[in-house]
């Protein structure tokens, strides 16, 4: 009986050790996953920030193009008011604009 109870106690101890080791491994895996999750969230935040910056830059470029278009329309309007002598210049401007 003494041998049997000692063997049972040893098995219980090994079981307890395995349970503790498993708990530690699970905790480590959870920590690893949390760290990966934080990295993913940070990456997402960086992507959103960079996208917003790019969109602002695009909007600035669009605004500049709109201003240039207005200026060009004004020049064309003035040339049309000036008369037929400017028609050749308008045709040249039109060719340049159509190439782009």
PDB file of N, CA and C in Angstrom:
ATOM      1  N   UNK A   1       0.809  -1.189   0.000  1.00  0.00           N
ATOM      2  CA  UNK A   1       0.000   0.000   0.000  1.00  0.00           C
ATOM      3  C   UNK A   1       0.859   1.263   0.000  1.00  0.00           C
ATOM      4  N   UNK A   2       1.929   1.196   0.723  1.00  0.00           N
ATOM      5  CA  UNK A   2       2.816   2.353   0.836  1.00  0.00           C
ATOM      6  C   UNK A   2       3.376   2.731  -0.532  1.00  0.00           C
ATOM      7  N   UNK A   3       3.761   1.725  -1.292  1.00  0.00           N
ATOM      8  CA  UNK A   3       4.305   1.970  -2.637  1.00  0.00           C
ATOM      9  C   UNK A   3       3.226   2.563  -3.548  1.00  0.00           C
ATOM     10  N   UNK A   4       2.026   2.042  -3.439  1.00  0.00           N
ATOM     11  CA  UNK A   4       0.908   2.512  -4.266  1.00  0.00           C
ATOM     12  C   UNK A   4       0.558   3.955  -3.927  1.00  0.00           C
ATOM     13  N   UNK A   5       0.482   4.286  -2.679  1.00  0.00           N
ATOM     14  CA  UNK A   5       0.142   5.661  -2.292  1.00  0.00           C
ATOM     15  C   UNK A   5       1.247   6.634  -2.682  1.00  0.00           C
ATOM     16  N   UNK A   6       2.497   6.199  -2.617  1.00  0.00           N
ATOM     17  CA  UNK A   6       3.602   7.041  -3.045  1.00  0.00           C
ATOM     18  C   UNK A   6       3.517   7.275  -4.562  1.00  0.00           C
ATOM     19  N   UNK A   7       3.214   6.229  -5.311  1.00  0.00           N
ATOM     20  CA  UNK A   7       3.078   6.357  -6.766  1.00  0.00           C
ATOM     21  C   UNK A   7       1.924   7.287  -7.107  1.00  0.00           C
ATOM     22  N   UNK A   8       0.817   7.172  -6.369  1.00  0.00           N
ATOM     23  CA  UNK A   8      -0.341   8.054  -6.597  1.00  0.00           C
ATOM     24  C   UNK A   8       0.032   9.501  -6.302  1.00  0.00           C
ATOM     25  N   UNK A   9       0.752   9.723  -5.223  1.00  0.00           N
ATOM     26  CA  UNK A   9       1.179  11.078  -4.861  1.00  0.00           C
ATOM     27  C   UNK A   9       2.115  11.657  -5.922  1.00  0.00           C
ATOM     28  N   UNK A  10       3.028  10.822  -6.430  1.00  0.00           N
ATOM     29  CA  UNK A  10       3.939  11.276  -7.478  1.00  0.00           C
ATOM     30  C   UNK A  10       3.166  11.636  -8.750  1.00  0.00           C
ATOM     31  N   UNK A  11       2.186  10.813  -9.092  1.00  0.00           N
ATOM     32  CA  UNK A  11       1.362  11.100 -10.269  1.00  0.00           C
ATOM     33  C   UNK A  11       0.562  12.393 -10.081  1.00  0.00           C
ATOM     34  N   UNK A  12       0.032  12.581  -8.867  1.00  0.00           N
ATOM     35  CA  UNK A  12      -0.705  13.816  -8.579  1.00  0.00           C
ATOM     36  C   UNK A  12       0.217  15.027  -8.698  1.00  0.00           C
ATOM     37  N   UNK A  13       1.431  14.883  -8.218  1.00  0.00           N
ATOM     38  CA  UNK A  13       2.404  15.978  -8.286  1.00  0.00           C
ATOM     39  C   UNK A  13       2.762  16.287  -9.742  1.00  0.00           C
ATOM     40  N   UNK A  14       2.990  15.231 -10.527  1.00  0.00           N
ATOM     41  CA  UNK A  14       3.294  15.432 -11.950  1.00  0.00           C
ATOM     42  C   UNK A  14       2.119  16.086 -12.665  1.00  0.00           C
ATOM     43  N   UNK A  15       0.907  15.623 -12.315  1.00  0.00           N
ATOM     44  CA  UNK A  15      -0.301  16.218 -12.909  1.00  0.00           C
ATOM     45  C   UNK A  15      -0.376  17.708 -12.564  1.00  0.00           C
ATOM     46  N   UNK A  16      -0.118  18.019 -11.306  1.00  0.00           N
ATOM     47  CA  UNK A  16      -0.149  19.415 -10.861  1.00  0.00           C
ATOM     48  C   UNK A  16       0.911  20.251 -11.602  1.00  0.00           C
ATOM     49  N   UNK A  17       2.101  19.693 -11.762  1.00  0.00           N
ATOM     50  CA  UNK A  17       3.177  20.377 -12.467  1.00  0.00           C
ATOM     51  C   UNK A  17       2.794  20.619 -13.940  1.00  0.00           C
ATOM     52  N   UNK A  18       2.209  19.603 -14.558  1.00  0.00           N
ATOM     53  CA  UNK A  18       1.779  19.744 -15.949  1.00  0.00           C
ATOM     54  C   UNK A  18       0.681  20.800 -16.087  1.00  0.00           C
ATOM     55  N   UNK A  19      -0.238  20.818 -15.125  1.00  0.00           N
ATOM     56  CA  UNK A  19      -1.299  21.828 -15.156  1.00  0.00           C
ATOM     57  C   UNK A  19      -0.718  23.237 -15.035  1.00  0.00           C
ATOM     58  N   UNK A  20       0.227  23.397 -14.137  1.00  0.00           N
ATOM     59  CA  UNK A  20       0.880  24.697 -13.947  1.00  0.00           C
ATOM     60  C   UNK A  20       1.649  25.109 -15.203  1.00  0.00           C
ATOM     61  N   UNK A  21       2.363  24.148 -15.767  1.00  0.00           N
ATOM     62  CA  UNK A  21       3.127  24.430 -16.982  1.00  0.00           C
ATOM     63  C   UNK A  21       2.179  24.816 -18.129  1.00  0.00           C
ATOM     64  N   UNK A  22       1.074  24.114 -18.218  1.00  0.00           N
ATOM     65  CA  UNK A  22       0.091  24.415 -19.260  1.00  0.00           C
ATOM     66  C   UNK A  22      -0.505  25.809 -19.049  1.00  0.00           C
ATOM     67  N   UNK A  23      -0.815  26.152 -17.813  1.00  0.00           N
ATOM     68  CA  UNK A  23      -1.342  27.490 -17.506  1.00  0.00           C
ATOM     69  C   UNK A  23      -0.352  28.573 -17.929  1.00  0.00           C
ATOM     70  N   UNK A  24       0.910  28.337 -17.617  1.00  0.00           N
ATOM     71  CA  UNK A  24       1.947  29.308 -17.978  1.00  0.00           C
ATOM     72  C   UNK A  24       2.045  29.440 -19.493  1.00  0.00           C
ATOM     73  N   UNK A  25       2.018  28.315 -20.197  1.00  0.00           N
ATOM     74  CA  UNK A  25       2.089  28.348 -21.658  1.00  0.00           C
ATOM     75  C   UNK A  25       0.886  29.088 -22.252  1.00  0.00           C
ATOM     76  N   UNK A  26      -0.292  28.856 -21.694  1.00  0.00           N
ATOM     77  CA  UNK A  26      -1.497  29.545 -22.169  1.00  0.00           C
ATOM     78  C   UNK A  26      -1.368  31.042 -21.924  1.00  0.00           C
ATOM     79  N   UNK A  27      -0.877  31.419 -20.742  1.00  0.00           N
ATOM     80  CA  UNK A  27      -0.693  32.844 -20.444  1.00  0.00           C
ATOM     81  C   UNK A  27       0.311  33.477 -21.403  1.00  0.00           C
ATOM     82  N   UNK A  28       1.383  32.766 -21.699  1.00  0.00           N
ATOM     83  CA  UNK A  28       2.388  33.289 -22.626  1.00  0.00           C
ATOM     84  C   UNK A  28       1.788  33.469 -24.022  1.00  0.00           C
ATOM     85  N   UNK A  29       0.988  32.511 -24.441  1.00  0.00           N
ATOM     86  CA  UNK A  29       0.345  32.600 -25.760  1.00  0.00           C
ATOM     87  C   UNK A  29      -0.621  33.784 -25.807  1.00  0.00           C
ATOM     88  N   UNK A  30      -1.358  33.988 -24.715  1.00  0.00           N
ATOM     89  CA  UNK A  30      -2.279  35.134 -24.645  1.00  0.00           C
ATOM     90  C   UNK A  30      -1.507  36.448 -24.729  1.00  0.00           C
ATOM     91  N   UNK A  31      -0.398  36.522 -24.022  1.00  0.00           N
ATOM     92  CA  UNK A  31       0.427  37.733 -24.069  1.00  0.00           C
ATOM     93  C   UNK A  31       0.967  37.980 -25.478  1.00  0.00           C
ATOM     94  N   UNK A  32       1.385  36.900 -26.117  1.00  0.00           N
ATOM     95  CA  UNK A  32       1.899  37.004 -27.486  1.00  0.00           C
ATOM     96  C   UNK A  32       0.795  37.517 -28.422  1.00  0.00           C
ATOM     97  N   UNK A  33      -0.407  36.976 -28.280  1.00  0.00           N
ATOM     98  CA  UNK A  33      -1.523  37.405 -29.118  1.00  0.00           C
ATOM     99  C   UNK A  33      -1.895  38.871 -28.851  1.00  0.00           C
ATOM    100  N   UNK A  34      -1.850  39.271 -27.581  1.00  0.00           N
ATOM    101  CA  UNK A  34      -2.143  40.671 -27.250  1.00  0.00           C
ATOM    102  C   UNK A  34      -1.114  41.606 -27.877  1.00  0.00           C
ATOM    103  N   UNK A  35       0.134  41.187 -27.847  1.00  0.00           N
ATOM    104  CA  UNK A  35       1.195  41.996 -28.443  1.00  0.00           C
ATOM    105  C   UNK A  35       0.979  42.111 -29.951  1.00  0.00           C
ATOM    106  N   UNK A  36       0.646  41.003 -30.599  1.00  0.00           N
ATOM    107  CA  UNK A  36       0.370  41.025 -32.034  1.00  0.00           C
ATOM    108  C   UNK A  36      -0.841  41.904 -32.339  1.00  0.00           C
ATOM    109  N   UNK A  37      -1.848  41.821 -31.492  1.00  0.00           N
ATOM    110  CA  UNK A  37      -3.044  42.642 -31.679  1.00  0.00           C
ATOM    111  C   UNK A  37      -2.697  44.127 -31.575  1.00  0.00           C
ATOM    112  N   UNK A  38      -1.867  44.485 -30.604  1.00  0.00           N
ATOM    113  CA  UNK A  38      -1.442  45.880 -30.464  1.00  0.00           C
ATOM    114  C   UNK A  38      -0.688  46.342 -31.706  1.00  0.00           C
ATOM    115  N   UNK A  39       0.169  45.482 -32.220  1.00  0.00           N
ATOM    116  CA  UNK A  39       0.921  45.825 -33.435  1.00  0.00           C
ATOM    117  C   UNK A  39      -0.025  46.040 -34.614  1.00  0.00           C
ATOM    118  N   UNK A  40      -1.012  45.177 -34.739  1.00  0.00           N
ATOM    119  CA  UNK A  40      -1.987  45.312 -35.826  1.00  0.00           C
ATOM    120  C   UNK A  40      -2.773  46.606 -35.681  1.00  0.00           C
ATOM    121  N   UNK A  41      -3.221  46.900 -34.479  1.00  0.00           N
ATOM    122  CA  UNK A  41      -3.979  48.138 -34.250  1.00  0.00           C
ATOM    123  C   UNK A  41      -3.129  49.367 -34.540  1.00  0.00           C
ATOM    124  N   UNK A  42      -1.866  49.322 -34.158  1.00  0.00           N
ATOM    125  CA  UNK A  42      -0.973  50.442 -34.435  1.00  0.00           C
ATOM    126  C   UNK A  42      -0.761  50.597 -35.931  1.00  0.00           C
ATOM    127  N   UNK A  43      -0.606  49.474 -36.618  1.00  0.00           N
ATOM    128  CA  UNK A  43      -0.437  49.520 -38.074  1.00  0.00           C
ATOM    129  C   UNK A  43      -1.678  50.104 -38.739  1.00  0.00           C
ATOM    130  N   UNK A  44      -2.838  49.708 -38.269  1.00  0.00           N
ATOM    131  CA  UNK A  44      -4.079  50.249 -38.823  1.00  0.00           C
ATOM    132  C   UNK A  44      -4.156  51.756 -38.593  1.00  0.00           C
ATOM    133  N   UNK A  45      -3.782  52.195 -37.404  1.00  0.00           N
ATOM    134  CA  UNK A  45      -3.804  53.624 -37.104  1.00  0.00           C
ATOM    135  C   UNK A  45      -2.833  54.376 -38.014  1.00  0.00           C
ATOM    136  N   UNK A  46      -1.662  53.793 -38.237  1.00  0.00           N
ATOM    137  CA  UNK A  46      -0.673  54.422 -39.129  1.00  0.00           C
ATOM    138  C   UNK A  46      -1.201  54.504 -40.561  1.00  0.00           C
ATOM    139  N   UNK A  47      -1.846  53.435 -41.011  1.00  0.00           N
ATOM    140  CA  UNK A  47      -2.398  53.421 -42.365  1.00  0.00           C
ATOM    141  C   UNK A  47      -3.467  54.489 -42.509  1.00  0.00           C
ATOM    142  N   UNK A  48      -4.343  54.593 -41.526  1.00  0.00           N
ATOM    143  CA  UNK A  48      -5.407  55.612 -41.573  1.00  0.00           C
ATOM    144  C   UNK A  48      -4.798  57.005 -41.596  1.00  0.00           C
ATOM    145  N   UNK A  49      -3.813  57.227 -40.751  1.00  0.00           N
ATOM    146  CA  UNK A  49      -3.155  58.532 -40.704  1.00  0.00           C
ATOM    147  C   UNK A  49      -2.490  58.874 -42.033  1.00  0.00           C
ATOM    148  N   UNK A  50      -1.766  57.917 -42.591  1.00  0.00           N
ATOM    149  CA  UNK A  50      -1.093  58.148 -43.866  1.00  0.00           C
ATOM    150  C   UNK A  50      -2.088  58.378 -44.993  1.00  0.00           C
ATOM    151  N   UNK A  51      -3.203  57.653 -44.955  1.00  0.00           N
ATOM    152  CA  UNK A  51      -4.236  57.835 -45.975  1.00  0.00           C
ATOM    153  C   UNK A  51      -4.838  59.228 -45.884  1.00  0.00           C
ATOM    154  N   UNK A  52      -5.086  59.674 -44.680  1.00  0.00           N
ATOM    155  CA  UNK A  52      -5.641  61.025 -44.501  1.00  0.00           C
ATOM    156  C   UNK A  52      -4.665  62.090 -45.007  1.00  0.00           C
ATOM    157  N   UNK A  53      -3.391  61.911 -44.711  1.00  0.00           N
ATOM    158  CA  UNK A  53      -2.385  62.861 -45.198  1.00  0.00           C
ATOM    159  C   UNK A  53      -2.356  62.879 -46.716  1.00  0.00           C
ATOM    160  N   UNK A  54      -2.400  61.698 -47.318  1.00  0.00           N
ATOM    161  CA  UNK A  54      -2.382  61.608 -48.782  1.00  0.00           C
ATOM    162  C   UNK A  54      -3.622  62.264 -49.378  1.00  0.00           C
ATOM    163  N   UNK A  55      -4.769  62.067 -48.738  1.00  0.00           N
ATOM    164  CA  UNK A  55      -6.009  62.669 -49.234  1.00  0.00           C
ATOM    165  C   UNK A  55      -5.939  64.202 -49.147  1.00  0.00           C
ATOM    166  N   UNK A  56      -5.332  64.708 -48.087  1.00  0.00           N
ATOM    167  CA  UNK A  56      -5.182  66.160 -47.959  1.00  0.00           C
ATOM    168  C   UNK A  56      -4.273  66.691 -49.073  1.00  0.00           C
ATOM    169  N   UNK A  57      -3.186  65.973 -49.340  1.00  0.00           N
ATOM    170  CA  UNK A  57      -2.277  66.396 -50.405  1.00  0.00           C
ATOM    171  C   UNK A  57      -2.980  66.386 -51.761  1.00  0.00           C
ATOM    172  N   UNK A  58      -3.772  65.363 -51.994  1.00  0.00           N
ATOM    173  CA  UNK A  58      -4.522  65.280 -53.251  1.00  0.00           C
ATOM    174  C   UNK A  58      -5.501  66.436 -53.350  1.00  0.00           C
ATOM    175  N   UNK A  59      -6.157  66.759 -52.242  1.00  0.00           N
ATOM    176  CA  UNK A  59      -7.123  67.867 -52.247  1.00  0.00           C
ATOM    177  C   UNK A  59      -6.422  69.187 -52.538  1.00  0.00           C
ATOM    178  N   UNK A  60      -5.238  69.384 -51.979  1.00  0.00           N
ATOM    179  CA  UNK A  60      -4.477  70.607 -52.245  1.00  0.00           C
ATOM    180  C   UNK A  60      -4.134  70.685 -53.732  1.00  0.00           C
ATOM    181  N   UNK A  61      -3.706  69.560 -54.305  1.00  0.00           N
ATOM    182  CA  UNK A  61      -3.383  69.538 -55.728  1.00  0.00           C
ATOM    183  C   UNK A  61      -4.614  69.833 -56.576  1.00  0.00           C
ATOM    184  N   UNK A  62      -5.756  69.279 -56.189  1.00  0.00           N
ATOM    185  CA  UNK A  62      -7.002  69.544 -56.919  1.00  0.00           C
ATOM    186  C   UNK A  62      -7.359  71.025 -56.852  1.00  0.00           C
ATOM    187  N   UNK A  63      -7.209  71.599 -55.661  1.00  0.00           N
ATOM    188  CA  UNK A  63      -7.514  73.020 -55.503  1.00  0.00           C
ATOM    189  C   UNK A  63      -6.611  73.871 -56.395  1.00  0.00           C
ATOM    190  N   UNK A  64      -5.325  73.509 -56.437  1.00  0.00           N
ATOM    191  CA  UNK A  64      -4.395  74.249 -57.292  1.00  0.00           C
ATOM    192  C   UNK A  64      -4.789  74.117 -58.763  1.00  0.00           C
ATOM    193  N   UNK A  65      -5.176  72.916 -59.171  1.00  0.00           N
ATOM    194  CA  UNK A  65      -5.595  72.712 -60.556  1.00  0.00           C
ATOM    195  C   UNK A  65      -6.862  73.507 -60.873  1.00  0.00           C
ATOM    196  N   UNK A  66      -7.777  73.576 -59.926  1.00  0.00           N
ATOM    197  CA  UNK A  66      -8.996  74.365 -60.133  1.00  0.00           C
ATOM    198  C   UNK A  66      -8.654  75.841 -60.325  1.00  0.00           C
ATOM    199  N   UNK A  67      -7.723  76.323 -59.517  1.00  0.00           N
ATOM    200  CA  UNK A  67      -7.300  77.723 -59.638  1.00  0.00           C
ATOM    201  C   UNK A  67      -6.649  77.970 -61.000  1.00  0.00           C
ATOM    202  N   UNK A  68      -5.794  77.051 -61.407  1.00  0.00           N
ATOM    203  CA  UNK A  68      -5.144  77.189 -62.710  1.00  0.00           C
ATOM    204  C   UNK A  68      -6.179  77.169 -63.841  1.00  0.00           C
ATOM    205  N   UNK A  69      -7.171  76.325 -63.694  1.00  0.00           N
ATOM    206  CA  UNK A  69      -8.225  76.242 -64.706  1.00  0.00           C
ATOM    207  C   UNK A  69      -8.992  77.565 -64.782  1.00  0.00           C
ATOM    208  N   UNK A  70      -9.302  78.141 -63.629  1.00  0.00           N
ATOM    209  CA  UNK A  70     -10.011  79.436 -63.606  1.00  0.00           C
ATOM    210  C   UNK A  70      -9.182  80.522 -64.301  1.00  0.00           C
ATOM    211  N   UNK A  71      -7.882  80.525 -63.986  1.00  0.00           N
ATOM    212  CA  UNK A  71      -7.008  81.522 -64.601  1.00  0.00           C
ATOM    213  C   UNK A  71      -6.971  81.339 -66.119  1.00  0.00           C
ATOM    214  N   UNK A  72      -6.874  80.104 -66.556  1.00  0.00           N
ATOM    215  CA  UNK A  72      -6.838  79.817 -67.980  1.00  0.00           C
ATOM    216  C   UNK A  72      -8.153  80.230 -68.652  1.00  0.00           C
ATOM    217  N   UNK A  73      -9.263  79.959 -67.983  1.00  0.00           N
ATOM    218  CA  UNK A  73     -10.562  80.365 -68.527  1.00  0.00           C
ATOM    219  C   UNK A  73     -10.655  81.884 -68.647  1.00  0.00           C
ATOM    220  N   UNK A  74     -10.113  82.596 -67.670  1.00  0.00           N
ATOM    221  CA  UNK A  74     -10.119  84.061 -67.725  1.00  0.00           C
ATOM    222  C   UNK A  74      -9.282  84.560 -68.899  1.00  0.00           C
ATOM    223  N   UNK A  75      -8.098  83.963 -69.087  1.00  0.00           N
ATOM    224  CA  UNK A  75      -7.228  84.365 -70.193  1.00  0.00           C
ATOM    225  C   UNK A  75      -7.936  84.116 -71.519  1.00  0.00           C
ATOM    226  N   UNK A  76      -8.558  82.959 -71.651  1.00  0.00           N
ATOM    227  CA  UNK A  76      -9.270  82.639 -72.897  1.00  0.00           C
ATOM    228  C   UNK A  76     -10.425  83.620 -73.106  1.00  0.00           C
ATOM    229  N   UNK A  77     -11.127  83.917 -72.040  1.00  0.00           N
ATOM    230  CA  UNK A  77     -12.240  84.864 -72.146  1.00  0.00           C
ATOM    231  C   UNK A  77     -11.748  86.235 -72.617  1.00  0.00           C
ATOM    232  N   UNK A  78     -10.633  86.698 -72.061  1.00  0.00           N
ATOM    233  CA  UNK A  78     -10.066  87.986 -72.468  1.00  0.00           C
ATOM    234  C   UNK A  78      -9.616  87.960 -73.920  1.00  0.00           C
ATOM    235  N   UNK A  79      -9.026  86.840 -74.321  1.00  0.00           N
ATOM    236  CA  UNK A  79      -8.590  86.721 -75.708  1.00  0.00           C
ATOM    237  C   UNK A  79      -9.778  86.726 -76.659  1.00  0.00           C
ATOM    238  N   UNK A  80     -10.853  86.084 -76.271  1.00  0.00           N
ATOM    239  CA  UNK A  80     -12.052  86.081 -77.119  1.00  0.00           C
ATOM    240  C   UNK A  80     -12.639  87.491 -77.247  1.00  0.00           C
ATOM    241  N   UNK A  81     -12.571  88.250 -76.184  1.00  0.00           N
ATOM    242  CA  UNK A  81     -13.083  89.620 -76.214  1.00  0.00           C
ATOM    243  C   UNK A  81     -12.204  90.514 -77.092  1.00  0.00           C
ATOM    244  N   UNK A  82     -10.904  90.197 -77.170  1.00  0.00           N
ATOM    245  CA  UNK A  82      -9.965  91.038 -77.909  1.00  0.00           C
ATOM    246  C   UNK A  82     -10.180  90.977 -79.412  1.00  0.00           C
ATOM    247  N   UNK A  83     -10.737  89.889 -79.907  1.00  0.00           N
ATOM    248  CA  UNK A  83     -11.043  89.846 -81.330  1.00  0.00           C
ATOM    249  C   UNK A  83     -10.421  88.685 -82.056  1.00  0.00           C
ATOM    250  N   UNK A  84     -10.497  88.771 -83.403  1.00  0.00           N
ATOM    251  CA  UNK A  84     -10.070  87.662 -84.246  1.00  0.00           C
ATOM    252  C   UNK A  84      -8.561  87.465 -84.264  1.00  0.00           C
ATOM    253  N   UNK A  85      -7.780  88.484 -84.020  1.00  0.00           N
ATOM    254  CA  UNK A  85      -6.324  88.358 -84.049  1.00  0.00           C
ATOM    255  C   UNK A  85      -5.828  87.362 -83.013  1.00  0.00           C
ATOM    256  N   UNK A  86      -6.611  87.172 -81.997  1.00  0.00           N
ATOM    257  CA  UNK A  86      -6.203  86.271 -80.923  1.00  0.00           C
ATOM    258  C   UNK A  86      -6.677  84.841 -81.157  1.00  0.00           C
ATOM    259  N   UNK A  87      -7.470  84.635 -82.189  1.00  0.00           N
ATOM    260  CA  UNK A  87      -7.993  83.299 -82.450  1.00  0.00           C
ATOM    261  C   UNK A  87      -6.862  82.303 -82.695  1.00  0.00           C
ATOM    262  N   UNK A  88      -5.818  82.723 -83.373  1.00  0.00           N
ATOM    263  CA  UNK A  88      -4.667  81.850 -83.620  1.00  0.00           C
ATOM    264  C   UNK A  88      -4.001  81.461 -82.302  1.00  0.00           C
ATOM    265  N   UNK A  89      -3.885  82.441 -81.413  1.00  0.00           N
ATOM    266  CA  UNK A  89      -3.288  82.157 -80.107  1.00  0.00           C
ATOM    267  C   UNK A  89      -4.155  81.158 -79.338  1.00  0.00           C
ATOM    268  N   UNK A  90      -5.464  81.325 -79.421  1.00  0.00           N
ATOM    269  CA  UNK A  90      -6.377  80.404 -78.755  1.00  0.00           C
ATOM    270  C   UNK A  90      -6.235  78.994 -79.309  1.00  0.00           C
ATOM    271  N   UNK A  91      -6.097  78.887 -80.619  1.00  0.00           N
ATOM    272  CA  UNK A  91      -5.920  77.575 -81.224  1.00  0.00           C
ATOM    273  C   UNK A  91      -4.639  76.910 -80.723  1.00  0.00           C
ATOM    274  N   UNK A  92      -3.573  77.706 -80.591  1.00  0.00           N
ATOM    275  CA  UNK A  92      -2.314  77.167 -80.084  1.00  0.00           C
ATOM    276  C   UNK A  92      -2.463  76.709 -78.630  1.00  0.00           C
ATOM    277  N   UNK A  93      -3.158  77.537 -77.833  1.00  0.00           N
ATOM    278  CA  UNK A  93      -3.386  77.184 -76.422  1.00  0.00           C
ATOM    279  C   UNK A  93      -4.205  75.904 -76.350  1.00  0.00           C
ATOM    280  N   UNK A  94      -5.218  75.826 -77.204  1.00  0.00           N
ATOM    281  CA  UNK A  94      -6.068  74.636 -77.221  1.00  0.00           C
ATOM    282  C   UNK A  94      -5.257  73.395 -77.563  1.00  0.00           C
ATOM    283  N   UNK A  95      -4.358  73.516 -78.527  1.00  0.00           N
ATOM    284  CA  UNK A  95      -3.517  72.372 -78.891  1.00  0.00           C
ATOM    285  C   UNK A  95      -2.662  71.925 -77.699  1.00  0.00           C
ATOM    286  N   UNK A  96      -2.077  72.900 -77.010  1.00  0.00           N
ATOM    287  CA  UNK A  96      -1.219  72.576 -75.865  1.00  0.00           C
ATOM    288  C   UNK A  96      -2.032  71.898 -74.773  1.00  0.00           C
ATOM    289  N   UNK A  97      -3.199  72.460 -74.505  1.00  0.00           N
ATOM    290  CA  UNK A  97      -4.041  71.899 -73.442  1.00  0.00           C
ATOM    291  C   UNK A  97      -4.515  70.497 -73.811  1.00  0.00           C
ATOM    292  N   UNK A  98      -4.865  70.276 -75.043  1.00  0.00           N
ATOM    293  CA  UNK A  98      -5.375  68.968 -75.471  1.00  0.00           C
ATOM    294  C   UNK A  98      -4.281  67.900 -75.431  1.00  0.00           C
ATOM    295  N   UNK A  99      -3.029  68.280 -75.588  1.00  0.00           N
ATOM    296  CA  UNK A  99      -1.929  67.317 -75.537  1.00  0.00           C
ATOM    297  C   UNK A  99      -1.777  66.769 -74.124  1.00  0.00           C
ATOM    298  N   UNK A 100      -2.034  67.585 -73.133  1.00  0.00           N
ATOM    299  CA  UNK A 100      -1.861  67.166 -71.730  1.00  0.00           C
ATOM    300  C   UNK A 100      -3.075  66.436 -71.328  1.00  0.00           C
TER     301      UNK A 100
END
